[in-house]
Amino acid sequence: MNTSEQLLARLGIRFPVIQAPMAGVATPHLAAAVSNAGGLGSLGIGASSPTQSRQMIEQTRALTAHPFNVNVFCHARPKRDQTRETAWLAYLAPLFAEVEAQPPASLDEIYKTFLEDDETFKLLLELRPAVVSFHFGLPATDRIQALREAGIYTLATATNLHEATLIEQAGVDAIVAQGIEAGGHRGMFVPEATDEGLKTAALIRILAKQTRLPVIAAGGIMDGQDIKAMLDLGAAAAQLGTAFILCPESAANASYRANLKSERAATTRLTSVLSGRPARGIVNEFITFGEASGAPMPAAYPVAYDAAKQLNAAASKLDHHEFAAQWAGQEARRARELPAAQLVLDLAAELAA
């Protein structure tokens, strides 16, 4: 068997198609539909409490008997800087005023990193999803080993060879190679580090030669021809995120869907202003304002995200959606509005053609 066939056999899936976790967008219904159709569905629980995570995993289990992936955030805790946070809130004050709201007096660290989340770690060992994936870094090696000993297959995101090497050394089973085209957050271990910005194809070529682990391509992949191109370069499978946002099973709201189906989907940007970490999304008023000349540095991740989410919540009450994080990759305009199961089958047919 080749690398792709070996990965499919190990994961117990029919097609080399993995639906990206997309915290806040992926749902149990989406993950289950993808898994039932022969791909690997995914849940993103990095923004969820342990109670919410349990509910999501158990709901997915009730909808599918097939394997699915559960993704966690492994970011370093932010270095809190009151001066920086105050300056960022002051800069955003005109946007809050635009939606008849007051900026918060302070910001919170809204997501707990898996690096310190004992409760979620114990939950994963208890529920034992088939796959657990790591984004933004790696947990301690003893946690990785414990998950693997529980029969869980592990994945971790790399944006360059150095990160891939750390993943391999840590004992993770496979690498998700995230190219610069990808929507959502860059999986960089150190967001302040210089980002070479490797395209997916270039990164696959490098990792397929330099690592022994299976490599999963992610970024700019929208159809079966794209998947085939990545497999031909040495990838064992492909992970697609933006391609699944228009599926009825996703949690994307009406504004997000409308923009993804419009000309606006052709203009995405990698920015740190929404969350405090580099992430690619559809350009909107918030991104333009946050990146304007003279703008201060946003607060650190995920503290900056607290400000953006509070602003968007106030704006949404007025049916104003220009402050939302609408993550999307560079090929977003090629997204198809199909039920998730049909999309998986179409991707498989295109791959086989």
Protein backbone atom coordinates (compact mmCIF):
# COMPACT_ATOMS: atom_id res chain seq x y z
CA MET A 1 0.00 0.00 0.00
CA ASN A 2 1.12 3.56 -0.65
CA THR A 3 1.12 6.23 2.04
CA SER A 4 -2.42 7.39 1.22
CA GLU A 5 -3.82 3.86 1.32
CA GLN A 6 -2.03 3.20 4.61
CA LEU A 7 -3.52 6.36 6.16
CA LEU A 8 -7.04 5.53 4.96
CA ALA A 9 -6.73 2.02 6.38
CA ARG A 10 -5.44 3.33 9.71
CA LEU A 11 -8.18 5.93 10.01
CA GLY A 12 -10.91 3.64 8.73
CA ILE A 13 -12.11 6.02 6.02
CA ARG A 14 -12.82 5.50 2.31
CA PHE A 15 -11.56 8.73 0.80
CA PRO A 16 -8.49 10.94 1.46
CA VAL A 17 -10.78 13.81 2.44
CA ILE A 18 -10.62 15.47 5.86
CA GLN A 19 -13.02 18.26 6.79
CA ALA A 20 -11.12 20.95 8.69
CA PRO A 21 -12.16 21.44 12.34
CA MET A 22 -13.12 25.14 11.97
CA ALA A 23 -14.09 26.00 15.56
CA GLY A 24 -17.36 27.90 15.53
CA VAL A 25 -18.31 26.71 12.03
CA ALA A 26 -17.99 22.92 12.14
CA THR A 27 -20.91 21.19 13.88
CA PRO A 28 -21.68 17.63 14.94
CA HIS A 29 -24.03 17.38 11.96
CA LEU A 30 -21.30 18.49 9.56
CA ALA A 31 -18.65 16.18 11.01
CA ALA A 32 -21.02 13.22 11.05
CA ALA A 33 -22.19 13.81 7.48
CA VAL A 34 -18.59 13.88 6.23
CA SER A 35 -17.66 10.75 8.16
CA ASN A 36 -20.79 8.90 7.06
CA ALA A 37 -19.94 9.71 3.44
CA GLY A 38 -16.46 8.21 3.72
CA GLY A 39 -14.28 11.16 4.70
CA LEU A 40 -13.03 12.21 8.12
CA GLY A 41 -15.29 14.77 9.78
CA SER A 42 -13.88 17.09 12.41
CA LEU A 43 -14.95 19.13 15.42
CA GLY A 44 -13.06 22.16 16.70
CA ILE A 45 -13.37 22.38 20.49
CA GLY A 46 -10.65 24.96 21.15
CA ALA A 47 -13.25 27.64 21.82
CA SER A 48 -15.53 25.36 23.86
CA SER A 49 -15.75 24.51 27.54
CA PRO A 50 -15.28 20.88 28.60
CA THR A 51 -19.05 20.58 29.06
CA GLN A 52 -19.70 21.95 25.57
CA SER A 53 -16.98 19.70 24.16
CA ARG A 54 -18.54 16.62 25.71
CA GLN A 55 -21.91 17.52 24.24
CA MET A 56 -20.42 18.03 20.77
CA ILE A 57 -18.50 14.76 20.80
CA GLU A 58 -21.43 12.77 22.17
CA GLN A 59 -23.83 14.34 19.66
CA THR A 60 -21.47 13.45 16.81
CA ARG A 61 -21.21 9.90 18.13
CA ALA A 62 -25.00 9.68 18.07
CA LEU A 63 -25.00 10.68 14.39
CA THR A 64 -22.20 8.47 13.10
CA ALA A 65 -20.51 5.19 13.92
CA HIS A 66 -17.53 6.22 11.80
CA PRO A 67 -14.28 7.88 12.94
CA PHE A 68 -14.02 11.65 13.39
CA ASN A 69 -11.40 14.13 14.53
CA VAL A 70 -11.44 16.43 17.56
CA ASN A 71 -9.17 19.48 17.37
CA VAL A 72 -7.68 21.44 20.29
CA PHE A 73 -5.74 24.72 20.53
CA CYS A 74 -2.19 24.43 21.90
CA HIS A 75 -1.24 28.12 22.02
CA ALA A 76 1.12 29.60 24.58
CA ARG A 77 -0.68 31.72 27.13
CA PRO A 78 -0.60 35.42 26.18
CA LYS A 79 1.79 37.81 27.83
CA ARG A 80 -0.68 40.33 29.18
CA ASP A 81 0.21 43.95 28.49
CA GLN A 82 -2.29 46.40 30.00
CA THR A 83 -0.92 49.36 28.06
CA ARG A 84 -1.21 47.51 24.76
CA GLU A 85 -4.72 46.25 25.55
CA THR A 86 -5.92 49.70 26.65
CA ALA A 87 -4.51 51.28 23.49
CA TRP A 88 -6.25 48.67 21.32
CA LEU A 89 -9.61 49.22 23.01
CA ALA A 90 -9.21 52.98 22.65
CA TYR A 91 -8.48 52.56 18.96
CA LEU A 92 -11.60 50.40 18.50
CA ALA A 93 -13.82 52.89 20.32
CA PRO A 94 -15.15 54.50 17.09
CA LEU A 95 -16.30 51.07 15.86
CA PHE A 96 -18.14 50.42 19.13
CA ALA A 97 -19.72 53.86 18.82
CA GLU A 98 -20.80 53.01 15.28
CA VAL A 99 -22.95 50.19 16.66
CA GLU A 100 -24.15 52.16 19.69
CA ALA A 101 -22.04 50.23 22.19
CA GLN A 102 -19.38 51.04 24.76
CA PRO A 103 -15.96 49.35 24.61
CA PRO A 104 -15.41 46.94 27.51
CA ALA A 105 -13.39 48.23 30.43
CA SER A 106 -11.01 45.29 30.12
CA LEU A 107 -10.42 42.15 28.09
CA ASP A 108 -10.26 38.49 29.02
CA GLU A 109 -8.27 35.45 27.93
CA ILE A 110 -11.34 33.80 26.45
CA TYR A 111 -9.86 30.45 25.38
CA LYS A 112 -8.01 28.10 27.70
CA THR A 113 -5.04 26.50 26.03
CA PHE A 114 -5.01 22.69 25.88
CA LEU A 115 -1.47 22.88 27.25
CA GLU A 116 -3.00 23.60 30.67
CA ASP A 117 -6.48 22.13 30.28
CA ASP A 118 -6.48 19.01 32.43
CA GLU A 119 -10.26 18.65 32.25
CA THR A 120 -10.39 18.50 28.45
CA PHE A 121 -7.39 16.16 28.39
CA LYS A 122 -9.19 13.76 30.74
CA LEU A 123 -12.36 14.12 28.67
CA LEU A 124 -10.53 13.02 25.50
CA LEU A 125 -9.03 10.03 27.29
CA GLU A 126 -12.50 9.11 28.53
CA LEU A 127 -14.39 9.52 25.24
CA ARG A 128 -11.53 8.39 23.00
CA PRO A 129 -12.41 9.93 19.65
CA ALA A 130 -10.65 8.17 16.78
CA VAL A 131 -8.47 11.19 16.04
CA VAL A 132 -7.25 14.19 18.04
CA SER A 133 -5.45 17.05 16.30
CA PHE A 134 -3.35 19.92 17.65
CA HIS A 135 -3.22 23.49 16.33
CA PHE A 136 -0.82 26.33 17.27
CA GLY A 137 1.72 23.96 18.78
CA LEU A 138 2.06 20.73 20.71
CA PRO A 139 1.07 19.51 24.17
CA ALA A 140 3.61 17.83 26.42
CA THR A 141 4.96 14.54 25.06
CA ASP A 142 3.44 12.59 27.95
CA ARG A 143 -0.01 13.83 26.92
CA ILE A 144 0.61 12.87 23.31
CA GLN A 145 1.77 9.44 24.43
CA ALA A 146 -1.26 9.00 26.69
CA LEU A 147 -3.64 9.81 23.85
CA ARG A 148 -1.86 7.39 21.53
CA GLU A 149 -1.87 4.66 24.18
CA ALA A 150 -5.64 5.17 24.40
CA GLY A 151 -5.83 4.19 20.73
CA ILE A 152 -6.24 7.76 19.47
CA TYR A 153 -4.53 8.75 16.21
CA THR A 154 -2.87 12.16 16.51
CA LEU A 155 -2.33 14.98 14.00
CA ALA A 156 -0.62 18.35 14.35
CA THR A 157 -0.42 21.38 12.07
CA ALA A 158 2.89 22.58 10.64
CA THR A 159 3.51 25.63 8.47
CA ASN A 160 7.20 24.90 7.86
CA LEU A 161 9.85 22.18 8.13
CA HIS A 162 10.98 23.19 11.61
CA GLU A 163 7.50 22.75 13.06
CA ALA A 164 7.10 19.45 11.19
CA THR A 165 10.36 18.22 12.70
CA LEU A 166 9.14 19.08 16.20
CA ILE A 167 5.89 17.22 15.48
CA GLU A 168 7.77 14.12 14.36
CA GLN A 169 10.12 14.25 17.36
CA ALA A 170 7.15 14.55 19.74
CA GLY A 171 5.68 11.25 18.55
CA VAL A 172 2.61 12.60 16.75
CA ASP A 173 1.27 10.24 14.07
CA ALA A 174 0.82 12.59 11.09
CA ILE A 175 1.35 16.18 9.97
CA VAL A 176 -1.23 18.61 8.62
CA ALA A 177 0.82 20.78 6.25
CA GLN A 178 -0.90 24.17 6.18
CA GLY A 179 -0.06 26.40 3.23
CA ILE A 180 -0.37 30.17 3.19
CA GLU A 181 -3.56 29.90 1.08
CA ALA A 182 -5.52 28.38 3.95
CA GLY A 183 -8.45 30.16 5.56
CA GLY A 184 -8.63 30.67 9.30
CA HIS A 185 -5.75 30.75 11.73
CA ARG A 186 -2.20 29.95 10.74
CA GLY A 187 -1.00 27.05 12.84
CA MET A 188 2.33 28.73 13.59
CA PHE A 189 3.86 27.59 16.86
CA VAL A 190 5.29 31.09 17.46
CA PRO A 191 3.14 33.76 15.79
CA GLU A 192 5.85 36.41 16.23
CA ALA A 193 8.34 34.33 14.24
CA THR A 194 9.12 35.13 10.62
CA ASP A 195 6.62 33.31 8.42
CA GLU A 196 8.09 32.10 5.15
CA GLY A 197 4.54 31.90 3.83
CA LEU A 198 5.03 28.63 1.97
CA LYS A 199 2.28 27.65 -0.43
CA THR A 200 0.66 24.28 0.18
CA ALA A 201 2.31 22.62 -2.82
CA ALA A 202 5.78 23.84 -1.82
CA LEU A 203 5.29 22.72 1.77
CA ILE A 204 4.10 19.26 0.69
CA ARG A 205 7.15 18.83 -1.54
CA ILE A 206 9.45 19.69 1.36
CA LEU A 207 7.76 17.61 4.04
CA ALA A 208 7.19 14.55 1.86
CA LYS A 209 10.97 14.33 1.41
CA GLN A 210 12.14 15.51 4.82
CA THR A 211 9.80 13.65 7.21
CA ARG A 212 8.79 10.03 7.64
CA LEU A 213 5.25 10.80 8.77
CA PRO A 214 2.15 10.90 6.56
CA VAL A 215 1.54 14.46 5.38
CA ILE A 216 -1.97 15.91 4.96
CA ALA A 217 -2.24 18.89 2.61
CA ALA A 218 -4.27 21.91 3.77
CA GLY A 219 -4.81 25.27 2.10
CA GLY A 220 -6.52 26.27 -1.14
CA ILE A 221 -7.94 22.79 -1.81
CA MET A 222 -11.48 22.96 -3.17
CA ASP A 223 -12.11 20.04 -5.55
CA GLY A 224 -10.98 16.55 -6.46
CA GLN A 225 -8.43 17.80 -8.96
CA ASP A 226 -6.81 19.84 -6.19
CA ILE A 227 -6.70 16.76 -3.97
CA LYS A 228 -5.14 14.68 -6.75
CA ALA A 229 -2.47 17.33 -7.31
CA MET A 230 -1.52 17.16 -3.62
CA LEU A 231 -1.45 13.36 -3.60
CA ASP A 232 0.80 13.44 -6.66
CA LEU A 233 3.21 15.66 -4.72
CA GLY A 234 3.40 13.16 -1.87
CA ALA A 235 0.48 14.03 0.41
CA ALA A 236 -1.42 11.13 1.97
CA ALA A 237 -4.72 13.05 2.16
CA ALA A 238 -6.15 16.56 1.95
CA GLN A 239 -7.87 18.72 4.55
CA LEU A 240 -10.54 21.13 3.26
CA GLY A 241 -12.13 23.89 5.30
CA THR A 242 -13.55 26.69 3.18
CA ALA A 243 -14.98 24.09 0.79
CA PHE A 244 -17.38 22.95 3.55
CA ILE A 245 -18.57 26.33 4.87
CA LEU A 246 -21.52 26.60 2.46
CA CYS A 247 -22.78 23.14 3.41
CA PRO A 248 -26.17 23.42 5.15
CA GLU A 249 -24.73 21.48 8.10
CA SER A 250 -22.18 24.21 8.95
CA ALA A 251 -22.89 26.91 11.53
CA ALA A 252 -22.05 29.77 9.15
CA ASN A 253 -24.67 32.51 9.39
CA ALA A 254 -26.51 34.19 6.50
CA SER A 255 -24.01 37.06 6.15
CA TYR A 256 -21.04 34.68 6.06
CA ARG A 257 -22.75 32.55 3.40
CA ALA A 258 -23.77 35.55 1.31
CA ASN A 259 -20.24 36.96 1.30
CA LEU A 260 -18.77 33.58 0.43
CA LYS A 261 -21.09 33.41 -2.59
CA SER A 262 -20.30 36.97 -3.67
CA GLU A 263 -17.36 38.72 -5.32
CA ARG A 264 -16.08 39.52 -1.83
CA ALA A 265 -14.87 35.92 -1.52
CA ALA A 266 -12.12 36.78 -4.02
CA THR A 267 -10.49 39.18 -1.54
CA THR A 268 -9.09 37.53 1.56
CA ARG A 269 -6.30 38.72 3.79
CA LEU A 270 -4.01 37.25 6.41
CA THR A 271 -4.35 39.50 9.44
CA SER A 272 -3.81 39.54 13.20
CA VAL A 273 -6.26 42.35 13.98
CA LEU A 274 -9.29 40.18 14.67
CA SER A 275 -7.81 37.66 17.09
CA GLY A 276 -4.22 38.64 17.81
CA ARG A 277 -2.81 35.81 15.66
CA PRO A 278 -2.42 35.62 11.87
CA ALA A 279 -5.63 34.34 10.27
CA ARG A 280 -7.06 34.60 6.74
CA GLY A 281 -10.56 35.89 6.19
CA ILE A 282 -12.78 37.90 3.88
CA VAL A 283 -11.75 41.55 4.03
CA ASN A 284 -14.29 43.71 5.87
CA GLU A 285 -14.54 47.02 7.70
CA PHE A 286 -12.90 45.66 10.86
CA ILE A 287 -9.83 44.38 9.00
CA THR A 288 -9.47 47.58 6.99
CA PHE A 289 -9.79 49.73 10.13
CA GLY A 290 -7.48 47.54 12.20
CA GLU A 291 -4.73 47.61 9.58
CA ALA A 292 -4.96 51.32 8.77
CA SER A 293 -1.79 53.40 8.89
CA GLY A 294 -0.99 54.39 12.44
CA ALA A 295 -3.11 51.69 14.06
CA PRO A 296 -1.65 50.29 17.29
CA MET A 297 -0.66 46.66 17.66
CA PRO A 298 -3.67 44.50 18.56
CA ALA A 299 -3.75 42.77 21.91
CA ALA A 300 -2.26 39.29 22.08
CA TYR A 301 -4.20 36.15 21.14
CA PRO A 302 -6.81 35.31 22.35
CA VAL A 303 -7.28 38.58 24.25
CA ALA A 304 -7.76 40.60 21.07
CA TYR A 305 -10.44 38.13 20.02
CA ASP A 306 -12.45 39.08 23.10
CA ALA A 307 -12.65 42.66 21.83
CA ALA A 308 -13.60 41.57 18.30
CA LYS A 309 -16.27 39.18 19.52
CA GLN A 310 -17.84 41.75 21.84
CA LEU A 311 -17.86 44.30 19.01
CA ASN A 312 -19.39 41.82 16.57
CA ALA A 313 -22.02 40.77 19.11
CA ALA A 314 -23.14 44.39 19.50
CA ALA A 315 -23.09 44.95 15.74
CA SER A 316 -25.06 41.77 15.01
CA LYS A 317 -27.97 43.09 17.08
CA LEU A 318 -28.23 45.86 14.47
CA ASP A 319 -27.86 43.39 11.59
CA HIS A 320 -24.38 44.82 10.97
CA HIS A 321 -21.85 42.14 10.01
CA GLU A 322 -18.78 44.10 8.96
CA PHE A 323 -16.97 43.27 12.21
CA ALA A 324 -17.32 39.48 11.98
CA ALA A 325 -14.50 37.00 11.54
CA GLN A 326 -15.48 35.34 8.27
CA TRP A 327 -12.51 33.04 7.78
CA ALA A 328 -11.90 31.87 4.22
CA GLY A 329 -9.01 30.68 2.06
CA GLN A 330 -7.64 32.19 -1.13
CA GLU A 331 -9.76 29.90 -3.30
CA ALA A 332 -12.97 30.78 -1.44
CA ARG A 333 -14.86 31.84 -4.56
CA ARG A 334 -14.78 28.20 -5.70
CA ALA A 335 -16.85 27.02 -2.71
CA ARG A 336 -19.92 24.97 -3.61
CA GLU A 337 -23.26 25.03 -1.84
CA LEU A 338 -23.91 21.31 -1.40
CA PRO A 339 -24.91 18.97 1.42
CA ALA A 340 -21.73 17.73 3.07
CA ALA A 341 -22.24 14.09 2.07
CA GLN A 342 -22.76 15.07 -1.57
CA LEU A 343 -19.68 17.26 -1.51
CA VAL A 344 -17.55 14.37 -0.22
CA LEU A 345 -18.88 12.06 -2.93
CA ASP A 346 -18.31 14.70 -5.61
CA LEU A 347 -14.75 15.24 -4.38
CA ALA A 348 -14.13 11.49 -4.53
CA ALA A 349 -15.56 11.25 -8.04
CA GLU A 350 -13.44 14.18 -9.23
CA LEU A 351 -10.37 12.60 -7.65
CA ALA A 352 -11.05 9.30 -9.44
CA ALA A 353 -11.80 10.91 -12.84
